[in-house]
Amino acid sequence: MVSSRAQRERPSVAHSTARFGGLTLIEVLVVIGIVAILGLMAVPALQEKLVRDQVIAAVSLADVAKPPIAAAWAGTQTFPADNAAAGLPVSDKIVSNYISSVAISSGAIDMTFGNSASAALKGKILTIRPAVVTDAPIVPPTWLCGHASTPAKMVPIGVDRTDIPAAFLPLNCRAG
């Protein structure tokens, strides 16, 4: 027969202190909090990328206006003052998903964002300007996007009206 002292020292199955695997409510809440913080940090970066992608997609619409502007420079060493002088439709007829108008202003191409562009871009302007070597008209214009630096020995034409925040501009459209 087992002594009562031996029974007291040996744990019974009913009073086992074995721990079950799993997470407590506090641990689950901490994990959810960490995931939420990481998500909140990623959202602004993702939004900037989406807006920047819209700017990149919209830049190709300037290709409609570049040939007549370059042809005017090659032929007369001057730049068209407006859409009519460039032989283009009125500004609000040159549109795309993200652009509501394309206007020529002394050789510069001013693209106004609208239509289905992000709210951060609506009403903002991106300017694409020609840069030329003034005493060598045979050299075709180089196109400057936004605040891009002018190459050495070239002169930018027109006014840069770009008012899009630098964070939303592609690298080739930023100053530097």
N, C-alpha and C. Protein backbone atom coordinates (compact mmCIF):
# COMPACT_ATOMS: atom_id res chain seq x y z
N MET A 1 0.82 -1.16 0.00
CA MET A 1 0.00 0.00 0.00
C MET A 1 0.88 1.24 0.00
N VAL A 2 0.47 2.24 -0.72
CA VAL A 2 1.26 3.46 -0.88
C VAL A 2 0.91 4.38 0.28
N SER A 3 1.95 4.98 0.81
CA SER A 3 1.71 5.86 1.95
C SER A 3 1.04 7.15 1.49
N SER A 4 0.37 7.79 2.42
CA SER A 4 -0.30 9.04 2.08
C SER A 4 0.69 10.14 1.72
N ARG A 5 1.90 10.05 2.30
CA ARG A 5 2.92 11.04 1.96
C ARG A 5 3.36 10.88 0.51
N ALA A 6 3.50 9.69 0.02
CA ALA A 6 3.89 9.43 -1.36
C ALA A 6 2.83 9.92 -2.32
N GLN A 7 1.57 9.78 -1.93
CA GLN A 7 0.49 10.26 -2.79
C GLN A 7 0.51 11.79 -2.90
N ARG A 8 0.86 12.46 -1.81
CA ARG A 8 0.90 13.92 -1.83
C ARG A 8 2.03 14.46 -2.69
N GLU A 9 3.16 13.76 -2.74
CA GLU A 9 4.31 14.24 -3.51
C GLU A 9 4.15 13.98 -5.01
N ARG A 10 3.43 12.97 -5.34
CA ARG A 10 3.26 12.63 -6.74
C ARG A 10 2.03 13.36 -7.28
N PRO A 11 2.18 14.22 -8.34
CA PRO A 11 1.02 14.94 -8.84
C PRO A 11 0.03 14.00 -9.51
N SER A 12 -1.21 14.26 -9.31
CA SER A 12 -2.23 13.44 -9.94
C SER A 12 -2.52 14.00 -11.34
N VAL A 13 -3.17 13.19 -12.14
CA VAL A 13 -3.50 13.59 -13.51
C VAL A 13 -4.48 14.76 -13.48
N ALA A 14 -5.36 14.81 -12.53
CA ALA A 14 -6.36 15.87 -12.46
C ALA A 14 -5.75 17.22 -12.11
N HIS A 15 -4.64 17.25 -11.41
CA HIS A 15 -4.02 18.50 -11.01
C HIS A 15 -2.73 18.79 -11.78
N SER A 16 -2.63 18.28 -12.97
CA SER A 16 -1.42 18.45 -13.77
C SER A 16 -1.21 19.93 -14.10
N THR A 17 0.04 20.37 -14.11
CA THR A 17 0.37 21.76 -14.46
C THR A 17 0.88 21.85 -15.90
N ALA A 18 0.58 20.88 -16.73
CA ALA A 18 1.04 20.90 -18.12
C ALA A 18 0.42 22.11 -18.83
N ARG A 19 1.21 22.79 -19.63
CA ARG A 19 0.78 24.00 -20.32
C ARG A 19 0.39 23.64 -21.75
N PHE A 20 -0.75 24.19 -22.20
CA PHE A 20 -1.19 23.95 -23.56
C PHE A 20 -0.50 24.95 -24.50
N GLY A 21 -0.18 24.52 -25.73
CA GLY A 21 0.42 25.42 -26.72
C GLY A 21 -0.61 26.43 -27.20
N GLY A 22 -0.17 27.64 -27.64
CA GLY A 22 -1.08 28.65 -28.13
C GLY A 22 -0.71 30.02 -27.59
N LEU A 23 -1.47 31.00 -28.02
CA LEU A 23 -1.19 32.37 -27.63
C LEU A 23 -2.27 32.88 -26.70
N THR A 24 -1.88 33.71 -25.78
CA THR A 24 -2.86 34.36 -24.92
C THR A 24 -3.47 35.53 -25.67
N LEU A 25 -4.53 36.07 -25.13
CA LEU A 25 -5.20 37.21 -25.77
C LEU A 25 -4.26 38.41 -25.87
N ILE A 26 -3.47 38.65 -24.85
CA ILE A 26 -2.51 39.77 -24.86
C ILE A 26 -1.49 39.59 -25.98
N GLU A 27 -0.98 38.40 -26.16
CA GLU A 27 0.00 38.15 -27.21
C GLU A 27 -0.61 38.37 -28.59
N VAL A 28 -1.83 37.93 -28.79
CA VAL A 28 -2.51 38.13 -30.07
C VAL A 28 -2.70 39.62 -30.34
N LEU A 29 -3.10 40.39 -29.32
CA LEU A 29 -3.29 41.83 -29.49
C LEU A 29 -1.98 42.54 -29.82
N VAL A 30 -0.88 42.11 -29.21
CA VAL A 30 0.43 42.71 -29.51
C VAL A 30 0.80 42.44 -30.96
N VAL A 31 0.59 41.22 -31.44
CA VAL A 31 0.90 40.88 -32.84
C VAL A 31 0.05 41.71 -33.79
N ILE A 32 -1.24 41.84 -33.49
CA ILE A 32 -2.13 42.65 -34.35
C ILE A 32 -1.67 44.10 -34.36
N GLY A 33 -1.27 44.62 -33.20
CA GLY A 33 -0.78 46.00 -33.13
C GLY A 33 0.47 46.21 -33.97
N ILE A 34 1.40 45.29 -33.93
CA ILE A 34 2.64 45.39 -34.71
C ILE A 34 2.33 45.36 -36.20
N VAL A 35 1.44 44.45 -36.62
CA VAL A 35 1.07 44.36 -38.04
C VAL A 35 0.39 45.65 -38.48
N ALA A 36 -0.47 46.22 -37.64
CA ALA A 36 -1.15 47.48 -37.99
C ALA A 36 -0.15 48.62 -38.15
N ILE A 37 0.82 48.71 -37.26
CA ILE A 37 1.84 49.78 -37.36
C ILE A 37 2.64 49.63 -38.64
N LEU A 38 3.05 48.41 -38.96
CA LEU A 38 3.80 48.19 -40.21
C LEU A 38 2.96 48.55 -41.43
N GLY A 39 1.67 48.22 -41.37
CA GLY A 39 0.78 48.58 -42.48
C GLY A 39 0.64 50.08 -42.64
N LEU A 40 0.52 50.79 -41.53
CA LEU A 40 0.40 52.25 -41.60
C LEU A 40 1.67 52.90 -42.13
N MET A 41 2.81 52.28 -41.89
CA MET A 41 4.06 52.82 -42.41
C MET A 41 4.18 52.58 -43.91
N ALA A 42 3.60 51.49 -44.42
CA ALA A 42 3.71 51.14 -45.83
C ALA A 42 2.74 51.91 -46.72
N VAL A 43 1.60 52.34 -46.19
CA VAL A 43 0.56 52.98 -47.00
C VAL A 43 1.05 54.26 -47.68
N PRO A 44 1.70 55.21 -46.98
CA PRO A 44 2.16 56.43 -47.69
C PRO A 44 3.15 56.13 -48.81
N ALA A 45 4.06 55.19 -48.58
CA ALA A 45 5.02 54.85 -49.63
C ALA A 45 4.31 54.25 -50.84
N LEU A 46 3.31 53.45 -50.59
CA LEU A 46 2.55 52.85 -51.69
C LEU A 46 1.76 53.92 -52.44
N GLN A 47 1.17 54.87 -51.71
CA GLN A 47 0.43 55.95 -52.36
C GLN A 47 1.35 56.78 -53.24
N GLU A 48 2.54 57.12 -52.74
CA GLU A 48 3.50 57.89 -53.54
C GLU A 48 3.85 57.14 -54.81
N LYS A 49 4.05 55.84 -54.71
CA LYS A 49 4.40 55.04 -55.89
C LYS A 49 3.25 55.04 -56.89
N LEU A 50 2.02 54.89 -56.43
CA LEU A 50 0.88 54.88 -57.34
C LEU A 50 0.73 56.22 -58.06
N VAL A 51 0.91 57.33 -57.34
CA VAL A 51 0.81 58.65 -57.96
C VAL A 51 1.96 58.84 -58.95
N ARG A 52 3.17 58.44 -58.56
CA ARG A 52 4.33 58.56 -59.46
C ARG A 52 4.11 57.73 -60.73
N ASP A 53 3.51 56.56 -60.59
CA ASP A 53 3.21 55.73 -61.77
C ASP A 53 2.23 56.43 -62.71
N GLN A 54 1.28 57.19 -62.15
CA GLN A 54 0.36 57.95 -63.00
C GLN A 54 1.09 59.05 -63.76
N VAL A 55 2.04 59.70 -63.10
CA VAL A 55 2.83 60.75 -63.77
C VAL A 55 3.63 60.12 -64.90
N ILE A 56 4.27 58.99 -64.64
CA ILE A 56 5.07 58.32 -65.67
C ILE A 56 4.19 57.93 -66.86
N ALA A 57 3.01 57.40 -66.58
CA ALA A 57 2.10 57.00 -67.66
C ALA A 57 1.64 58.21 -68.47
N ALA A 58 1.47 59.36 -67.82
CA ALA A 58 0.96 60.55 -68.50
C ALA A 58 2.01 61.22 -69.38
N VAL A 59 3.28 61.08 -69.05
CA VAL A 59 4.35 61.77 -69.79
C VAL A 59 4.33 61.40 -71.27
N SER A 60 3.93 60.20 -71.60
CA SER A 60 3.94 59.78 -73.01
C SER A 60 3.00 60.61 -73.88
N LEU A 61 1.99 61.26 -73.29
CA LEU A 61 1.08 62.09 -74.08
C LEU A 61 1.81 63.30 -74.68
N ALA A 62 2.90 63.71 -74.08
CA ALA A 62 3.68 64.83 -74.62
C ALA A 62 4.26 64.48 -75.98
N ASP A 63 4.37 63.20 -76.30
CA ASP A 63 4.92 62.79 -77.59
C ASP A 63 4.08 63.28 -78.76
N VAL A 64 2.81 63.61 -78.50
CA VAL A 64 1.94 64.18 -79.54
C VAL A 64 2.45 65.55 -79.97
N ALA A 65 2.95 66.32 -79.02
CA ALA A 65 3.34 67.70 -79.30
C ALA A 65 4.82 67.86 -79.65
N LYS A 66 5.64 66.91 -79.30
CA LYS A 66 7.09 67.06 -79.53
C LYS A 66 7.47 67.20 -81.02
N PRO A 67 6.95 66.38 -81.93
CA PRO A 67 7.37 66.50 -83.33
C PRO A 67 7.10 67.86 -83.96
N PRO A 68 5.90 68.47 -83.80
CA PRO A 68 5.72 69.78 -84.42
C PRO A 68 6.58 70.87 -83.78
N ILE A 69 6.85 70.74 -82.50
CA ILE A 69 7.71 71.73 -81.84
C ILE A 69 9.14 71.59 -82.36
N ALA A 70 9.63 70.36 -82.46
CA ALA A 70 10.99 70.12 -82.97
C ALA A 70 11.09 70.54 -84.44
N ALA A 71 10.03 70.32 -85.22
CA ALA A 71 10.04 70.71 -86.63
C ALA A 71 10.11 72.23 -86.77
N ALA A 72 9.41 72.94 -85.91
CA ALA A 72 9.46 74.41 -85.96
C ALA A 72 10.87 74.89 -85.65
N TRP A 73 11.54 74.28 -84.69
CA TRP A 73 12.91 74.67 -84.35
C TRP A 73 13.85 74.37 -85.52
N ALA A 74 13.70 73.20 -86.11
CA ALA A 74 14.58 72.81 -87.23
C ALA A 74 14.38 73.72 -88.44
N GLY A 75 13.13 74.15 -88.66
CA GLY A 75 12.85 74.96 -89.84
C GLY A 75 13.08 76.45 -89.68
N THR A 76 12.74 76.99 -88.52
CA THR A 76 12.78 78.45 -88.36
C THR A 76 13.60 78.93 -87.17
N GLN A 77 14.12 78.02 -86.38
CA GLN A 77 14.85 78.35 -85.14
C GLN A 77 13.99 79.14 -84.17
N THR A 78 12.67 78.91 -84.25
CA THR A 78 11.74 79.49 -83.28
C THR A 78 10.83 78.37 -82.79
N PHE A 79 10.10 78.67 -81.74
CA PHE A 79 9.19 77.68 -81.19
C PHE A 79 7.77 78.20 -81.27
N PRO A 80 6.80 77.30 -81.48
CA PRO A 80 5.40 77.74 -81.57
C PRO A 80 4.93 78.36 -80.25
N ALA A 81 4.16 79.43 -80.36
CA ALA A 81 3.67 80.14 -79.18
C ALA A 81 2.53 79.41 -78.49
N ASP A 82 1.73 78.66 -79.27
CA ASP A 82 0.56 78.00 -78.69
C ASP A 82 0.20 76.77 -79.52
N ASN A 83 -0.88 76.11 -79.17
CA ASN A 83 -1.30 74.89 -79.87
C ASN A 83 -1.58 75.17 -81.35
N ALA A 84 -2.25 76.27 -81.65
CA ALA A 84 -2.59 76.58 -83.04
C ALA A 84 -1.33 76.77 -83.88
N ALA A 85 -0.34 77.47 -83.34
CA ALA A 85 0.90 77.69 -84.08
C ALA A 85 1.66 76.39 -84.29
N ALA A 86 1.46 75.41 -83.42
CA ALA A 86 2.11 74.11 -83.56
C ALA A 86 1.30 73.17 -84.45
N GLY A 87 0.11 73.61 -84.87
CA GLY A 87 -0.74 72.76 -85.70
C GLY A 87 -1.44 71.67 -84.89
N LEU A 88 -1.66 71.95 -83.61
CA LEU A 88 -2.30 70.97 -82.72
C LEU A 88 -3.72 71.42 -82.38
N PRO A 89 -4.58 70.50 -81.96
CA PRO A 89 -5.92 70.89 -81.52
C PRO A 89 -5.85 71.76 -80.27
N VAL A 90 -6.97 72.38 -79.90
CA VAL A 90 -6.99 73.18 -78.68
C VAL A 90 -6.63 72.28 -77.50
N SER A 91 -6.14 72.91 -76.43
CA SER A 91 -5.54 72.16 -75.32
C SER A 91 -6.46 71.13 -74.68
N ASP A 92 -7.76 71.43 -74.55
CA ASP A 92 -8.65 70.49 -73.87
C ASP A 92 -9.12 69.35 -74.78
N LYS A 93 -8.61 69.29 -76.00
CA LYS A 93 -8.90 68.17 -76.91
C LYS A 93 -7.77 67.14 -76.91
N ILE A 94 -6.65 67.46 -76.28
CA ILE A 94 -5.54 66.51 -76.15
C ILE A 94 -5.60 65.98 -74.72
N VAL A 95 -6.20 64.80 -74.55
CA VAL A 95 -6.46 64.25 -73.22
C VAL A 95 -6.08 62.78 -73.15
N SER A 96 -6.01 62.27 -71.92
CA SER A 96 -5.79 60.84 -71.69
C SER A 96 -6.45 60.48 -70.36
N ASN A 97 -6.19 59.29 -69.87
CA ASN A 97 -6.78 58.88 -68.60
C ASN A 97 -6.45 59.84 -67.47
N TYR A 98 -5.22 60.36 -67.45
CA TYR A 98 -4.78 61.19 -66.34
C TYR A 98 -4.62 62.67 -66.69
N ILE A 99 -4.62 63.01 -67.97
CA ILE A 99 -4.40 64.39 -68.42
C ILE A 99 -5.70 64.97 -68.95
N SER A 100 -6.02 66.20 -68.48
CA SER A 100 -7.25 66.86 -68.96
C SER A 100 -6.96 67.90 -70.03
N SER A 101 -5.69 68.31 -70.19
CA SER A 101 -5.35 69.22 -71.28
C SER A 101 -3.83 69.27 -71.49
N VAL A 102 -3.46 69.55 -72.74
CA VAL A 102 -2.05 69.73 -73.10
C VAL A 102 -1.96 71.05 -73.86
N ALA A 103 -1.23 72.00 -73.28
CA ALA A 103 -1.12 73.34 -73.88
C ALA A 103 0.34 73.63 -74.21
N ILE A 104 0.55 74.21 -75.40
CA ILE A 104 1.88 74.66 -75.81
C ILE A 104 2.01 76.13 -75.41
N SER A 105 3.13 76.46 -74.79
CA SER A 105 3.36 77.84 -74.37
C SER A 105 4.82 78.19 -74.66
N SER A 106 5.04 78.90 -75.76
CA SER A 106 6.39 79.29 -76.19
C SER A 106 7.32 78.08 -76.28
N GLY A 107 6.83 77.00 -76.85
CA GLY A 107 7.64 75.79 -77.04
C GLY A 107 7.55 74.79 -75.91
N ALA A 108 7.15 75.21 -74.72
CA ALA A 108 7.02 74.29 -73.59
C ALA A 108 5.66 73.59 -73.65
N ILE A 109 5.62 72.36 -73.18
CA ILE A 109 4.39 71.57 -73.17
C ILE A 109 3.90 71.50 -71.72
N ASP A 110 2.75 72.11 -71.45
CA ASP A 110 2.17 72.11 -70.10
C ASP A 110 1.03 71.10 -70.07
N MET A 111 1.21 70.04 -69.30
CA MET A 111 0.21 68.98 -69.19
C MET A 111 -0.51 69.12 -67.85
N THR A 112 -1.84 69.33 -67.88
CA THR A 112 -2.63 69.50 -66.67
C THR A 112 -3.30 68.17 -66.33
N PHE A 113 -3.12 67.74 -65.08
CA PHE A 113 -3.70 66.47 -64.63
C PHE A 113 -5.16 66.65 -64.27
N GLY A 114 -5.94 65.64 -64.59
CA GLY A 114 -7.37 65.63 -64.30
C GLY A 114 -7.91 64.26 -64.64
N ASN A 115 -9.15 64.22 -65.15
CA ASN A 115 -9.82 62.97 -65.49
C ASN A 115 -9.72 61.98 -64.34
N SER A 116 -9.12 60.81 -64.54
CA SER A 116 -9.07 59.82 -63.46
C SER A 116 -7.75 59.82 -62.71
N ALA A 117 -7.05 60.94 -62.73
CA ALA A 117 -5.80 61.06 -61.97
C ALA A 117 -6.10 61.09 -60.48
N SER A 118 -5.11 60.73 -59.71
CA SER A 118 -5.22 60.76 -58.25
C SER A 118 -5.58 62.17 -57.78
N ALA A 119 -6.26 62.24 -56.65
CA ALA A 119 -6.63 63.55 -56.09
C ALA A 119 -5.39 64.40 -55.80
N ALA A 120 -4.26 63.75 -55.52
CA ALA A 120 -3.02 64.49 -55.26
C ALA A 120 -2.49 65.17 -56.52
N LEU A 121 -2.95 64.75 -57.70
CA LEU A 121 -2.47 65.32 -58.97
C LEU A 121 -3.47 66.24 -59.66
N LYS A 122 -4.75 66.10 -59.36
CA LYS A 122 -5.77 66.87 -60.10
C LYS A 122 -5.48 68.36 -60.04
N GLY A 123 -5.48 68.98 -61.21
CA GLY A 123 -5.22 70.42 -61.32
C GLY A 123 -3.74 70.77 -61.34
N LYS A 124 -2.86 69.82 -61.10
CA LYS A 124 -1.41 70.07 -61.10
C LYS A 124 -0.89 70.04 -62.54
N ILE A 125 0.23 70.72 -62.76
CA ILE A 125 0.82 70.83 -64.10
C ILE A 125 2.21 70.19 -64.11
N LEU A 126 2.49 69.47 -65.17
CA LEU A 126 3.84 68.96 -65.45
C LEU A 126 4.26 69.59 -66.77
N THR A 127 5.42 70.25 -66.76
CA THR A 127 5.93 70.91 -67.97
C THR A 127 7.06 70.09 -68.57
N ILE A 128 6.99 69.90 -69.87
CA ILE A 128 8.07 69.27 -70.65
C ILE A 128 8.60 70.37 -71.56
N ARG A 129 9.90 70.72 -71.39
CA ARG A 129 10.47 71.83 -72.16
C ARG A 129 11.58 71.35 -73.08
N PRO A 130 11.70 71.99 -74.24
CA PRO A 130 12.85 71.69 -75.08
C PRO A 130 14.08 72.45 -74.59
N ALA A 131 15.22 71.84 -74.76
CA ALA A 131 16.50 72.51 -74.50
C ALA A 131 17.29 72.39 -75.79
N VAL A 132 17.88 73.50 -76.25
CA VAL A 132 18.55 73.51 -77.55
C VAL A 132 19.93 74.14 -77.43
N VAL A 133 20.74 73.85 -78.45
CA VAL A 133 22.01 74.55 -78.64
C VAL A 133 21.69 75.67 -79.62
N THR A 134 21.66 76.90 -79.13
CA THR A 134 21.14 78.01 -79.94
C THR A 134 21.93 78.30 -81.21
N ASP A 135 23.23 78.06 -81.19
CA ASP A 135 24.01 78.35 -82.40
C ASP A 135 24.24 77.10 -83.25
N ALA A 136 23.50 76.04 -82.99
CA ALA A 136 23.59 74.81 -83.80
C ALA A 136 22.18 74.23 -83.96
N PRO A 137 21.36 74.87 -84.80
CA PRO A 137 19.96 74.44 -84.93
C PRO A 137 19.81 73.04 -85.53
N ILE A 138 20.88 72.50 -86.08
CA ILE A 138 20.78 71.15 -86.63
C ILE A 138 20.68 70.10 -85.51
N VAL A 139 21.13 70.47 -84.31
CA VAL A 139 21.03 69.57 -83.16
C VAL A 139 19.58 69.58 -82.68
N PRO A 140 18.92 68.42 -82.66
CA PRO A 140 17.52 68.41 -82.24
C PRO A 140 17.38 68.75 -80.75
N PRO A 141 16.21 69.23 -80.36
CA PRO A 141 16.01 69.56 -78.94
C PRO A 141 16.11 68.33 -78.04
N THR A 142 16.58 68.56 -76.84
CA THR A 142 16.52 67.57 -75.77
C THR A 142 15.33 67.98 -74.92
N TRP A 143 14.57 67.02 -74.43
CA TRP A 143 13.36 67.34 -73.69
C TRP A 143 13.60 67.22 -72.19
N LEU A 144 13.28 68.28 -71.47
CA LEU A 144 13.45 68.34 -70.02
C LEU A 144 12.09 68.14 -69.35
N CYS A 145 12.03 67.18 -68.47
CA CYS A 145 10.79 66.88 -67.74
C CYS A 145 10.80 67.61 -66.40
N GLY A 146 9.80 68.42 -66.15
CA GLY A 146 9.67 69.07 -64.85
C GLY A 146 10.87 69.93 -64.50
N HIS A 147 11.46 69.64 -63.33
CA HIS A 147 12.57 70.43 -62.81
C HIS A 147 13.94 69.86 -63.19
N ALA A 148 14.00 69.02 -64.20
CA ALA A 148 15.27 68.39 -64.59
C ALA A 148 16.31 69.45 -64.96
N SER A 149 17.56 69.12 -64.70
CA SER A 149 18.67 70.03 -65.01
C SER A 149 18.89 70.11 -66.51
N THR A 150 19.34 71.27 -66.96
CA THR A 150 19.63 71.48 -68.38
C THR A 150 21.04 70.97 -68.68
N PRO A 151 21.20 70.20 -69.76
CA PRO A 151 22.54 69.73 -70.12
C PRO A 151 23.47 70.91 -70.44
N ALA A 152 24.75 70.69 -70.26
CA ALA A 152 25.75 71.72 -70.55
C ALA A 152 25.64 72.18 -72.00
N LYS A 153 25.86 73.45 -72.24
CA LYS A 153 25.85 74.10 -73.55
C LYS A 153 24.46 74.16 -74.20
N MET A 154 23.42 73.82 -73.44
CA MET A 154 22.06 73.89 -73.96
C MET A 154 21.29 74.96 -73.19
N VAL A 155 20.28 75.51 -73.85
CA VAL A 155 19.45 76.54 -73.26
C VAL A 155 18.01 76.02 -73.18
N PRO A 156 17.39 76.05 -71.98
CA PRO A 156 15.99 75.60 -71.91
C PRO A 156 15.06 76.65 -72.50
N ILE A 157 14.01 76.20 -73.13
CA ILE A 157 13.05 77.09 -73.77
C ILE A 157 11.73 77.01 -73.01
N GLY A 158 11.11 78.15 -72.78
CA GLY A 158 9.83 78.19 -72.09
C GLY A 158 10.00 78.20 -70.58
N VAL A 159 8.89 78.30 -69.90
CA VAL A 159 8.85 78.41 -68.45
C VAL A 159 8.42 77.06 -67.86
N ASP A 160 9.13 76.64 -66.81
CA ASP A 160 8.76 75.40 -66.11
C ASP A 160 7.64 75.74 -65.13
N ARG A 161 6.43 75.30 -65.43
CA ARG A 161 5.28 75.55 -64.57
C ARG A 161 4.93 74.34 -63.70
N THR A 162 5.81 73.38 -63.63
CA THR A 162 5.56 72.16 -62.86
C THR A 162 5.28 72.52 -61.40
N ASP A 163 4.13 72.08 -60.90
CA ASP A 163 3.79 72.32 -59.50
C ASP A 163 3.45 71.03 -58.75
N ILE A 164 3.89 69.91 -59.29
CA ILE A 164 3.71 68.62 -58.65
C ILE A 164 4.79 68.47 -57.58
N PRO A 165 4.43 68.03 -56.36
CA PRO A 165 5.45 67.84 -55.33
C PRO A 165 6.55 66.88 -55.80
N ALA A 166 7.78 67.17 -55.42
CA ALA A 166 8.93 66.38 -55.87
C ALA A 166 8.80 64.89 -55.56
N ALA A 167 8.15 64.54 -54.46
CA ALA A 167 7.99 63.13 -54.10
C ALA A 167 7.20 62.35 -55.14
N PHE A 168 6.34 63.04 -55.89
CA PHE A 168 5.51 62.38 -56.90
C PHE A 168 6.15 62.37 -58.29
N LEU A 169 7.25 63.09 -58.46
CA LEU A 169 7.90 63.16 -59.77
C LEU A 169 8.86 61.98 -59.96
N PRO A 170 8.92 61.44 -61.18
CA PRO A 170 9.94 60.43 -61.46
C PRO A 170 11.33 61.07 -61.31
N LEU A 171 12.34 60.26 -61.12
CA LEU A 171 13.69 60.78 -60.89
C LEU A 171 14.16 61.69 -62.02
N ASN A 172 13.83 61.35 -63.27
CA ASN A 172 14.31 62.16 -64.39
C ASN A 172 13.58 63.51 -64.51
N CYS A 173 12.59 63.76 -63.65
CA CYS A 173 11.86 65.03 -63.66
C CYS A 173 12.22 65.90 -62.46
N ARG A 174 13.11 65.43 -61.61
CA ARG A 174 13.49 66.18 -60.41
C ARG A 174 14.76 66.98 -60.67
N ALA A 175 14.95 68.05 -59.91
CA ALA A 175 16.15 68.86 -60.02
C ALA A 175 17.33 68.05 -59.49
N GLY A 176 18.47 68.30 -60.04
CA GLY A 176 19.63 67.63 -59.46
C GLY A 176 20.55 67.20 -60.48
